[in-house]
Amino acid sequence: MDGEIAAALRAGDDAVIPVAPGAHTLRAKIDWCGSRSIDVELGEHDKAHVVCQAGWRSVSIVPRKLLYTTILRDRYLDLELTGVESAS
C-alpha cells in the first residue's frame, strides 16, 4: 500500500489494514509478478473491501501462463475494489 508492504497473505487469507483517511494506492505482488495498481479515496472511518485473485484464472494452457509470468506479469494478479463502507 502506497509503495510499502502492508500485509503478507496466503491463499484464502484476509487482512484488516488500518490507514489514515485520504488517497491510497494498492498493489498486490507475488515474486516478480503482481497486479495493476488501484487507487482508493477513504474518508475517516471508511472501510474499503478489496479482493485479490489470479488474473490468469481462466487460462488453462501452459504458453498463456508463461505469458502472464513474463510480458503480462502486472496482470498475474487481479486486484479489485469491491466496495467502500462509509460510517457516516
C-alpha atoms as a PDB file:
ATOM      1  CA  MET A   1       0.000   0.000   0.000  1.00  0.00           C
ATOM      2  CA  ASP A   2       1.401   3.359  -1.025  1.00  0.00           C
ATOM      3  CA  GLY A   3       4.667   1.667  -2.045  1.00  0.00           C
ATOM      4  CA  GLU A   4       5.146  -0.179   1.259  1.00  0.00           C
ATOM      5  CA  ILE A   5       4.403  -3.767   2.307  1.00  0.00           C
ATOM      6  CA  ALA A   6       1.165  -3.695   4.317  1.00  0.00           C
ATOM      7  CA  ALA A   7       0.491  -7.429   4.743  1.00  0.00           C
ATOM      8  CA  ALA A   8       1.802 -10.847   3.765  1.00  0.00           C
ATOM      9  CA  LEU A   9      -1.062 -13.160   2.846  1.00  0.00           C
ATOM     10  CA  ARG A  10      -1.548 -16.695   1.601  1.00  0.00           C
ATOM     11  CA  ALA A  11      -4.427 -18.030  -0.482  1.00  0.00           C
ATOM     12  CA  GLY A  12      -7.694 -17.657   1.428  1.00  0.00           C
ATOM     13  CA  ASP A  13      -6.282 -15.202   3.987  1.00  0.00           C
ATOM     14  CA  ASP A  14      -7.955 -11.934   4.976  1.00  0.00           C
ATOM     15  CA  ALA A  15      -6.330  -8.841   6.429  1.00  0.00           C
ATOM     16  CA  VAL A  16      -7.526  -5.650   8.071  1.00  0.00           C
ATOM     17  CA  ILE A  17      -5.075  -2.823   7.487  1.00  0.00           C
ATOM     18  CA  PRO A  18      -5.729   0.458   9.306  1.00  0.00           C
ATOM     19  CA  VAL A  19      -4.883   3.527   7.203  1.00  0.00           C
ATOM     20  CA  ALA A  20      -5.242   7.272   7.528  1.00  0.00           C
ATOM     21  CA  PRO A  21      -8.052   8.988   5.624  1.00  0.00           C
ATOM     22  CA  GLY A  22      -7.108  10.173   2.151  1.00  0.00           C
ATOM     23  CA  ALA A  23      -5.890   8.769  -1.148  1.00  0.00           C
ATOM     24  CA  HIS A  24      -4.119   5.429  -1.229  1.00  0.00           C
ATOM     25  CA  THR A  25      -2.628   3.259  -3.957  1.00  0.00           C
ATOM     26  CA  LEU A  26      -2.875  -0.523  -3.634  1.00  0.00           C
ATOM     27  CA  ARG A  27      -0.935  -3.188  -5.485  1.00  0.00           C
ATOM     28  CA  ALA A  28      -0.549  -6.920  -4.870  1.00  0.00           C
ATOM     29  CA  LYS A  29       2.700  -8.764  -5.572  1.00  0.00           C
ATOM     30  CA  ILE A  30       3.870 -12.348  -5.672  1.00  0.00           C
ATOM     31  CA  ASP A  31       7.534 -12.891  -6.512  1.00  0.00           C
ATOM     32  CA  TRP A  32       8.256 -10.820  -9.655  1.00  0.00           C
ATOM     33  CA  CYS A  33       4.601 -10.754 -10.722  1.00  0.00           C
ATOM     34  CA  GLY A  34       1.727  -8.709  -9.413  1.00  0.00           C
ATOM     35  CA  SER A  35      -1.383  -6.704 -10.133  1.00  0.00           C
ATOM     36  CA  ARG A  36      -2.092  -3.361 -11.646  1.00  0.00           C
ATOM     37  CA  SER A  37      -2.333  -0.554  -9.091  1.00  0.00           C
ATOM     38  CA  ILE A  38      -5.716   0.669  -7.935  1.00  0.00           C
ATOM     39  CA  ASP A  39      -6.438   3.972  -6.231  1.00  0.00           C
ATOM     40  CA  VAL A  40      -8.916   4.448  -3.409  1.00  0.00           C
ATOM     41  CA  GLU A  41     -10.000   7.592  -1.569  1.00  0.00           C
ATOM     42  CA  LEU A  42     -11.094   6.975   2.011  1.00  0.00           C
ATOM     43  CA  GLY A  43     -12.809   9.266   4.470  1.00  0.00           C
ATOM     44  CA  GLU A  44     -12.476   8.940   8.207  1.00  0.00           C
ATOM     45  CA  HIS A  45     -13.999   5.633   9.407  1.00  0.00           C
ATOM     46  CA  ASP A  46     -14.428   4.349   5.803  1.00  0.00           C
ATOM     47  CA  LYS A  47     -13.646   0.690   5.085  1.00  0.00           C
ATOM     48  CA  ALA A  48     -12.509  -0.437   1.648  1.00  0.00           C
ATOM     49  CA  HIS A  49     -13.112  -4.028   0.587  1.00  0.00           C
ATOM     50  CA  VAL A  50     -10.555  -5.394  -1.860  1.00  0.00           C
ATOM     51  CA  VAL A  51     -10.321  -8.855  -3.415  1.00  0.00           C
ATOM     52  CA  CYS A  52      -7.182 -10.324  -4.950  1.00  0.00           C
ATOM     53  CA  GLN A  53      -7.292 -13.361  -7.198  1.00  0.00           C
ATOM     54  CA  ALA A  54      -5.326 -14.919 -10.024  1.00  0.00           C
ATOM     55  CA  GLY A  55      -5.529 -12.746 -13.112  1.00  0.00           C
ATOM     56  CA  TRP A  56      -4.888 -15.753 -15.332  1.00  0.00           C
ATOM     57  CA  ARG A  57      -7.500 -17.995 -13.659  1.00  0.00           C
ATOM     58  CA  SER A  58      -9.326 -18.680 -16.932  1.00  0.00           C
ATOM     59  CA  VAL A  59      -6.120 -19.559 -18.770  1.00  0.00           C
ATOM     60  CA  SER A  60      -5.522 -23.286 -18.930  1.00  0.00           C
ATOM     61  CA  ILE A  61      -2.759 -23.780 -21.455  1.00  0.00           C
ATOM     62  CA  VAL A  62       0.904 -23.522 -20.468  1.00  0.00           C
ATOM     63  CA  PRO A  63       2.017 -20.945 -23.117  1.00  0.00           C
ATOM     64  CA  ARG A  64      -0.574 -18.459 -21.807  1.00  0.00           C
ATOM     65  CA  LYS A  65       0.554 -18.999 -18.209  1.00  0.00           C
ATOM     66  CA  LEU A  66       4.094 -18.299 -19.400  1.00  0.00           C
ATOM     67  CA  LEU A  67       2.825 -15.086 -20.990  1.00  0.00           C
ATOM     68  CA  TYR A  68       1.348 -13.965 -17.618  1.00  0.00           C
ATOM     69  CA  THR A  69       4.651 -14.582 -15.800  1.00  0.00           C
ATOM     70  CA  THR A  70       6.691 -12.613 -18.324  1.00  0.00           C
ATOM     71  CA  ILE A  71       5.159  -9.966 -20.565  1.00  0.00           C
ATOM     72  CA  LEU A  72       1.868  -9.609 -18.643  1.00  0.00           C
ATOM     73  CA  ARG A  73       3.391 -10.017 -15.174  1.00  0.00           C
ATOM     74  CA  ASP A  74       1.498  -6.929 -13.902  1.00  0.00           C
ATOM     75  CA  ARG A  75      -1.745  -8.786 -14.690  1.00  0.00           C
ATOM     76  CA  TYR A  76      -0.802 -12.058 -12.989  1.00  0.00           C
ATOM     77  CA  LEU A  77      -2.980 -10.993 -10.063  1.00  0.00           C
ATOM     78  CA  ASP A  78      -6.316  -9.202 -10.303  1.00  0.00           C
ATOM     79  CA  LEU A  79      -6.913  -6.655  -7.544  1.00  0.00           C
ATOM     80  CA  GLU A  80     -10.491  -5.394  -7.361  1.00  0.00           C
ATOM     81  CA  LEU A  81     -12.074  -2.774  -5.123  1.00  0.00           C
ATOM     82  CA  THR A  82     -15.445  -4.370  -4.389  1.00  0.00           C
ATOM     83  CA  GLY A  83     -16.822  -1.571  -2.236  1.00  0.00           C
ATOM     84  CA  VAL A  84     -16.297   1.156   0.319  1.00  0.00           C
ATOM     85  CA  GLU A  85     -18.356   1.252   3.504  1.00  0.00           C
ATOM     86  CA  SER A  86     -18.939   4.714   4.873  1.00  0.00           C
ATOM     87  CA  ALA A  87     -19.552   5.050   8.603  1.00  0.00           C
ATOM     88  CA  SER A  88     -21.452   8.310   8.182  1.00  0.00           C
END
